[in-house]
Amino acid sequence: MLNVTWEHNDFSFNPGGYLINPAMVIITLDRERQWDKVGNYEMGILQMRYPVWPRYGTYLEPVSDNRHLTVATLEERPFVIVEAVDPMTGTCVSNTVPCRRQSNKTET
């Protein structure tokens, strides 16, 4: 489906079924455990409010390297499909990837 727009948003898909121009909002969980919008991705351009995961903190002090990236999304067909692996082969069903479900995990 090409040239499909809705409310000024482009929803055209390529032959493989993927959005041609996906748009995403980049959010982070702050120290007060509140979601904070830090950027967006549109038309192949990533715009961030400030550099993410800097190597240096305030006043150029080195920060620890124990940072990691977590991607969270809602399980919502047809966009995200979570399927168990085939118990006989241990492989993924066609057009899926294995997924570990984690929710509200905190480290102590």
Protein backbone atom coordinates (compact mmCIF):
# COMPACT_ATOMS: atom_id res chain seq x y z
CA MET A 1 0.00 0.00 0.00
CA LEU A 2 1.59 3.23 -1.13
CA ASN A 3 0.52 6.83 -0.59
CA VAL A 4 -1.75 6.00 2.35
CA THR A 5 -2.25 8.93 4.71
CA TRP A 6 -4.54 9.47 7.65
CA GLU A 7 -4.71 12.75 9.59
CA HIS A 8 -1.54 13.92 7.78
CA ASN A 9 0.41 10.78 8.79
CA ASP A 10 2.01 8.53 6.16
CA PHE A 11 0.98 4.89 6.58
CA SER A 12 2.50 3.48 3.39
CA PHE A 13 3.88 -0.06 3.59
CA ASN A 14 6.68 -1.65 1.57
CA PRO A 15 6.21 -5.05 -0.15
CA GLY A 16 7.52 -6.78 3.02
CA GLY A 17 4.70 -5.28 5.11
CA TYR A 18 6.79 -2.70 7.01
CA LEU A 19 5.99 1.00 7.30
CA ILE A 20 8.02 3.01 4.81
CA ASN A 21 8.28 6.05 7.12
CA PRO A 22 7.78 4.91 10.71
CA ALA A 23 7.43 7.57 13.39
CA MET A 24 8.40 6.93 17.01
CA VAL A 25 8.50 8.87 20.25
CA ILE A 26 11.63 8.28 22.36
CA ILE A 27 10.94 8.25 26.11
CA THR A 28 13.03 7.50 29.16
CA LEU A 29 12.20 6.62 32.74
CA ASP A 30 13.63 9.36 34.97
CA ARG A 31 14.92 9.08 38.53
CA GLU A 32 11.44 9.83 39.92
CA ARG A 33 10.13 6.89 37.81
CA GLN A 34 8.18 9.23 35.52
CA TRP A 35 8.19 8.91 31.72
CA ASP A 36 9.94 11.81 29.99
CA LYS A 37 9.86 12.46 26.23
CA VAL A 38 13.46 12.95 25.09
CA GLY A 39 13.10 12.80 21.32
CA ASN A 40 11.38 11.49 18.24
CA TYR A 41 12.12 9.67 15.00
CA GLU A 42 10.36 10.78 11.81
CA MET A 43 11.15 10.58 8.10
CA GLY A 44 14.45 8.82 8.86
CA ILE A 45 15.65 11.58 11.22
CA LEU A 46 16.33 11.09 14.93
CA GLN A 47 15.93 14.29 16.98
CA MET A 48 16.94 14.21 20.65
CA ARG A 49 16.53 16.85 23.34
CA TYR A 50 20.06 16.11 24.56
CA PRO A 51 22.70 13.44 23.97
CA VAL A 52 21.48 10.14 25.35
CA TRP A 53 23.69 7.99 27.55
CA PRO A 54 26.60 10.41 27.61
CA ARG A 55 30.03 9.11 28.55
CA TYR A 56 30.44 12.04 30.93
CA GLY A 57 28.14 13.47 33.55
CA THR A 58 28.01 16.92 35.09
CA TYR A 59 31.26 18.89 34.84
CA LEU A 60 32.82 16.21 32.59
CA GLU A 61 32.96 13.64 35.38
CA PRO A 62 33.07 10.07 34.01
CA VAL A 63 29.88 8.09 34.54
CA SER A 64 29.68 4.38 35.23
CA ASP A 65 29.46 2.04 32.24
CA ASN A 66 26.67 -0.08 33.73
CA ARG A 67 23.97 1.61 31.65
CA HIS A 68 21.87 -0.45 29.32
CA LEU A 69 19.08 0.00 26.83
CA THR A 70 15.65 -1.51 27.33
CA VAL A 71 13.03 -1.36 24.61
CA ALA A 72 9.45 -1.64 25.84
CA THR A 73 6.39 -2.01 23.67
CA LEU A 74 2.82 -3.16 23.99
CA GLU A 75 1.87 -6.57 22.68
CA GLU A 76 -0.65 -5.56 20.06
CA ARG A 77 -1.34 -7.48 16.86
CA PRO A 78 -0.38 -7.03 14.09
CA PHE A 79 2.45 -4.75 15.24
CA VAL A 80 3.96 -6.89 18.00
CA ILE A 81 3.20 -10.59 17.99
CA VAL A 82 4.51 -12.69 20.87
CA GLU A 83 4.52 -16.42 20.20
CA ALA A 84 6.07 -19.33 22.05
CA VAL A 85 8.84 -21.13 20.19
CA ASP A 86 7.99 -24.44 18.55
CA PRO A 87 8.49 -27.03 21.35
CA MET A 88 9.70 -29.66 18.87
CA THR A 89 12.33 -27.58 17.08
CA GLY A 90 12.98 -24.77 19.57
CA THR A 91 12.72 -22.29 16.70
CA CYS A 92 10.44 -19.35 16.09
CA VAL A 93 7.20 -19.56 14.21
CA SER A 94 7.39 -17.90 10.78
CA ASN A 95 7.76 -14.09 10.93
CA THR A 96 8.25 -13.99 14.72
CA VAL A 97 11.10 -13.69 17.18
CA PRO A 98 11.33 -15.22 20.66
CA CYS A 99 10.38 -12.84 23.43
CA ARG A 100 11.07 -12.88 27.15
CA ARG A 101 8.21 -11.26 29.03
CA GLN A 102 9.34 -9.00 31.85
CA SER A 103 7.21 -6.54 33.72
CA ASN A 104 8.00 -4.07 36.47
CA LYS A 105 11.34 -5.69 37.22
CA THR A 106 13.46 -3.75 39.67
CA GLU A 107 16.96 -4.52 40.81
CA THR A 108 17.76 -4.32 44.51
